[in-house]
Amino acid sequence: MKVIRYSKPFKLQLVSEVESGRASKAVERKYKIKGHGTVMRWVRQFGSGKFGKIIRVEKGDEVNEISQLRSELRKVKEALADTHMELALEKAFLVVACEEMDQSLEAFKKKHAGGRRTRRSRPTQS
């Protein structure tokens, strides 16, 4: 089987013909290109984007945005895990403290329960 190599300027010429409105199959027949879909592959590779080429324009700070967000998410997950660990330790410490004071945990919670304390509102002067 004979391998035919085409130059880049030749490929660009065919791409410009397809982008100007000619069908890719007609261009393949005109230049006797044997491969099916070869011209369309060149159009996607070298073309302006009409036929499936995706061009992504990014600013400098957007280039590493995904890796930065993943890093930030990892740090947040670690902080959440640390907070859960601290809460578990505080609960265990409370149980031990109640045992040392010979008091049940429920009685301690009832005695020291209560919402946030608010300051008394001052009477308005009229």
C-alpha atoms as a PDB file:
ATOM      1  CA  MET A   1       0.000   0.000   0.000  1.00  0.00           C
ATOM      2  CA  LYS A   2       1.381   3.366  -1.014  1.00  0.00           C
ATOM      3  CA  VAL A   3       1.322   6.147   1.614  1.00  0.00           C
ATOM      4  CA  ILE A   4       0.766   9.634   0.271  1.00  0.00           C
ATOM      5  CA  ARG A   5       1.877  12.628   2.323  1.00  0.00           C
ATOM      6  CA  TYR A   6       0.286  16.005   1.650  1.00  0.00           C
ATOM      7  CA  SER A   7       1.955  19.299   2.441  1.00  0.00           C
ATOM      8  CA  LYS A   8       0.445  21.740   4.908  1.00  0.00           C
ATOM      9  CA  PRO A   9      -0.140  24.465   2.254  1.00  0.00           C
ATOM     10  CA  PHE A  10      -2.032  21.910   0.139  1.00  0.00           C
ATOM     11  CA  LYS A  11      -4.170  20.928   3.135  1.00  0.00           C
ATOM     12  CA  LEU A  12      -4.879  24.599   3.911  1.00  0.00           C
ATOM     13  CA  GLN A  13      -5.951  25.183   0.300  1.00  0.00           C
ATOM     14  CA  LEU A  14      -8.448  22.330   0.497  1.00  0.00           C
ATOM     15  CA  VAL A  15      -9.708  23.577   3.868  1.00  0.00           C
ATOM     16  CA  SER A  16     -10.321  27.041   2.416  1.00  0.00           C
ATOM     17  CA  GLU A  17     -12.279  25.504  -0.459  1.00  0.00           C
ATOM     18  CA  VAL A  18     -14.507  23.540   1.924  1.00  0.00           C
ATOM     19  CA  GLU A  19     -15.040  26.594   4.132  1.00  0.00           C
ATOM     20  CA  SER A  20     -15.972  28.691   1.095  1.00  0.00           C
ATOM     21  CA  GLY A  21     -18.924  26.408   0.431  1.00  0.00           C
ATOM     22  CA  ARG A  22     -17.793  23.381  -1.550  1.00  0.00           C
ATOM     23  CA  ALA A  23     -18.679  19.960  -0.231  1.00  0.00           C
ATOM     24  CA  SER A  24     -15.836  17.982   1.257  1.00  0.00           C
ATOM     25  CA  LYS A  25     -16.660  14.964  -0.911  1.00  0.00           C
ATOM     26  CA  ALA A  26     -16.457  17.140  -4.035  1.00  0.00           C
ATOM     27  CA  VAL A  27     -13.038  18.421  -2.955  1.00  0.00           C
ATOM     28  CA  GLU A  28     -11.881  14.853  -2.309  1.00  0.00           C
ATOM     29  CA  ARG A  29     -12.997  13.814  -5.805  1.00  0.00           C
ATOM     30  CA  LYS A  30     -11.469  16.913  -7.447  1.00  0.00           C
ATOM     31  CA  TYR A  31      -8.016  16.293  -5.948  1.00  0.00           C
ATOM     32  CA  LYS A  32      -8.352  12.455  -6.012  1.00  0.00           C
ATOM     33  CA  ILE A  33      -7.867  11.970  -2.286  1.00  0.00           C
ATOM     34  CA  LYS A  34      -8.542   8.341  -1.472  1.00  0.00           C
ATOM     35  CA  GLY A  35      -9.214   8.502   2.281  1.00  0.00           C
ATOM     36  CA  HIS A  36     -12.822   8.904   3.362  1.00  0.00           C
ATOM     37  CA  GLY A  37     -13.163  11.811   5.787  1.00  0.00           C
ATOM     38  CA  THR A  38      -9.589  12.960   5.290  1.00  0.00           C
ATOM     39  CA  VAL A  39     -10.551  16.424   4.084  1.00  0.00           C
ATOM     40  CA  MET A  40     -13.041  16.884   6.951  1.00  0.00           C
ATOM     41  CA  ARG A  41     -10.317  15.879   9.421  1.00  0.00           C
ATOM     42  CA  TRP A  42      -8.097  18.590   7.931  1.00  0.00           C
ATOM     43  CA  VAL A  43     -10.977  21.069   8.149  1.00  0.00           C
ATOM     44  CA  ARG A  44     -11.420  20.310  11.848  1.00  0.00           C
ATOM     45  CA  GLN A  45      -7.678  20.484  12.393  1.00  0.00           C
ATOM     46  CA  PHE A  46      -6.810  23.609  10.387  1.00  0.00           C
ATOM     47  CA  GLY A  47     -10.162  25.303   9.812  1.00  0.00           C
ATOM     48  CA  SER A  48     -11.699  28.397  11.312  1.00  0.00           C
ATOM     49  CA  GLY A  49     -14.160  26.518  13.498  1.00  0.00           C
ATOM     50  CA  LYS A  50     -17.240  26.247  11.288  1.00  0.00           C
ATOM     51  CA  PHE A  51     -17.051  22.467  11.174  1.00  0.00           C
ATOM     52  CA  GLY A  52     -16.505  21.323  14.728  1.00  0.00           C
ATOM     53  CA  LYS A  53     -13.222  22.827  15.763  1.00  0.00           C
ATOM     54  CA  ILE A  54     -13.536  24.103  19.306  1.00  0.00           C
ATOM     55  CA  ILE A  55     -11.568  27.185  20.174  1.00  0.00           C
ATOM     56  CA  ARG A  56     -11.356  28.075  23.847  1.00  0.00           C
ATOM     57  CA  VAL A  57     -10.241  31.556  24.775  1.00  0.00           C
ATOM     58  CA  GLU A  58      -9.048  31.908  28.342  1.00  0.00           C
ATOM     59  CA  LYS A  59      -7.722  34.777  30.348  1.00  0.00           C
ATOM     60  CA  GLY A  60      -4.554  34.314  32.333  1.00  0.00           C
ATOM     61  CA  ASP A  61      -6.350  33.725  35.619  1.00  0.00           C
ATOM     62  CA  GLU A  62      -8.778  31.211  34.076  1.00  0.00           C
ATOM     63  CA  VAL A  63      -6.109  28.782  32.901  1.00  0.00           C
ATOM     64  CA  ASN A  64      -5.571  27.136  36.274  1.00  0.00           C
ATOM     65  CA  GLU A  65      -9.035  27.835  37.682  1.00  0.00           C
ATOM     66  CA  ILE A  66     -10.086  24.177  37.822  1.00  0.00           C
ATOM     67  CA  SER A  67      -6.961  23.072  39.665  1.00  0.00           C
ATOM     68  CA  GLN A  68      -7.308  26.012  42.060  1.00  0.00           C
ATOM     69  CA  LEU A  69     -10.942  25.134  42.754  1.00  0.00           C
ATOM     70  CA  ARG A  70     -10.056  21.487  43.361  1.00  0.00           C
ATOM     71  CA  SER A  71      -7.321  22.544  45.766  1.00  0.00           C
ATOM     72  CA  GLU A  72      -9.713  24.863  47.592  1.00  0.00           C
ATOM     73  CA  LEU A  73     -12.344  22.102  47.794  1.00  0.00           C
ATOM     74  CA  ARG A  74      -9.774  19.722  49.259  1.00  0.00           C
ATOM     75  CA  LYS A  75      -8.841  22.292  51.917  1.00  0.00           C
ATOM     76  CA  VAL A  76     -12.501  22.878  52.799  1.00  0.00           C
ATOM     77  CA  LYS A  77     -13.079  19.130  53.136  1.00  0.00           C
ATOM     78  CA  GLU A  78     -10.059  18.847  55.426  1.00  0.00           C
ATOM     79  CA  ALA A  79     -11.330  21.750  57.553  1.00  0.00           C
ATOM     80  CA  LEU A  80     -14.758  20.100  57.803  1.00  0.00           C
ATOM     81  CA  ALA A  81     -13.174  16.811  58.863  1.00  0.00           C
ATOM     82  CA  ASP A  82     -11.134  18.656  61.515  1.00  0.00           C
ATOM     83  CA  THR A  83     -14.293  20.354  62.796  1.00  0.00           C
ATOM     84  CA  HIS A  84     -16.113  17.013  63.033  1.00  0.00           C
ATOM     85  CA  MET A  85     -13.172  15.593  64.963  1.00  0.00           C
ATOM     86  CA  GLU A  86     -13.142  18.550  67.378  1.00  0.00           C
ATOM     87  CA  LEU A  87     -16.888  18.163  67.963  1.00  0.00           C
ATOM     88  CA  ALA A  88     -16.506  14.461  68.704  1.00  0.00           C
ATOM     89  CA  LEU A  89     -13.689  15.226  71.152  1.00  0.00           C
ATOM     90  CA  GLU A  90     -15.766  17.910  72.890  1.00  0.00           C
ATOM     91  CA  LYS A  91     -18.694  15.506  73.259  1.00  0.00           C
ATOM     92  CA  ALA A  92     -16.397  12.854  74.728  1.00  0.00           C
ATOM     93  CA  PHE A  93     -14.856  15.416  77.080  1.00  0.00           C
ATOM     94  CA  LEU A  94     -18.338  16.473  78.236  1.00  0.00           C
ATOM     95  CA  VAL A  95     -19.231  12.856  79.013  1.00  0.00           C
ATOM     96  CA  VAL A  96     -16.036  12.401  81.041  1.00  0.00           C
ATOM     97  CA  ALA A  97     -16.564  15.719  82.859  1.00  0.00           C
ATOM     98  CA  CYS A  98     -20.127  14.749  83.798  1.00  0.00           C
ATOM     99  CA  GLU A  99     -18.864  11.403  85.134  1.00  0.00           C
ATOM    100  CA  GLU A 100     -16.242  13.222  87.236  1.00  0.00           C
ATOM    101  CA  MET A 101     -18.939  15.512  88.680  1.00  0.00           C
ATOM    102  CA  ASP A 102     -21.253  12.550  89.345  1.00  0.00           C
ATOM    103  CA  GLN A 103     -23.934  14.115  87.197  1.00  0.00           C
ATOM    104  CA  SER A 104     -25.829  12.688  84.285  1.00  0.00           C
ATOM    105  CA  LEU A 105     -25.276  14.180  80.867  1.00  0.00           C
ATOM    106  CA  GLU A 106     -28.975  14.955  80.465  1.00  0.00           C
ATOM    107  CA  ALA A 107     -29.123  16.795  83.797  1.00  0.00           C
ATOM    108  CA  PHE A 108     -26.051  18.827  82.848  1.00  0.00           C
ATOM    109  CA  LYS A 109     -27.580  19.748  79.505  1.00  0.00           C
ATOM    110  CA  LYS A 110     -30.865  20.778  81.152  1.00  0.00           C
ATOM    111  CA  LYS A 111     -29.092  22.886  83.747  1.00  0.00           C
ATOM    112  CA  HIS A 112     -26.828  24.653  81.251  1.00  0.00           C
ATOM    113  CA  ALA A 113     -29.189  24.698  78.329  1.00  0.00           C
ATOM    114  CA  GLY A 114     -30.697  27.845  76.985  1.00  0.00           C
ATOM    115  CA  GLY A 115     -30.485  29.855  73.928  1.00  0.00           C
ATOM    116  CA  ARG A 116     -28.342  32.841  73.333  1.00  0.00           C
ATOM    117  CA  ARG A 117     -28.791  35.537  75.867  1.00  0.00           C
ATOM    118  CA  THR A 118     -29.978  38.830  74.532  1.00  0.00           C
ATOM    119  CA  ARG A 119     -29.598  42.233  76.074  1.00  0.00           C
ATOM    120  CA  ARG A 120     -32.672  43.893  77.370  1.00  0.00           C
ATOM    121  CA  SER A 121     -33.995  46.455  75.026  1.00  0.00           C
ATOM    122  CA  ARG A 122     -33.851  49.985  76.302  1.00  0.00           C
ATOM    123  CA  PRO A 123     -37.055  51.928  76.439  1.00  0.00           C
ATOM    124  CA  THR A 124     -37.310  54.386  73.649  1.00  0.00           C
ATOM    125  CA  GLN A 125     -37.421  58.028  74.543  1.00  0.00           C
ATOM    126  CA  SER A 126     -40.159  60.004  72.950  1.00  0.00           C
END
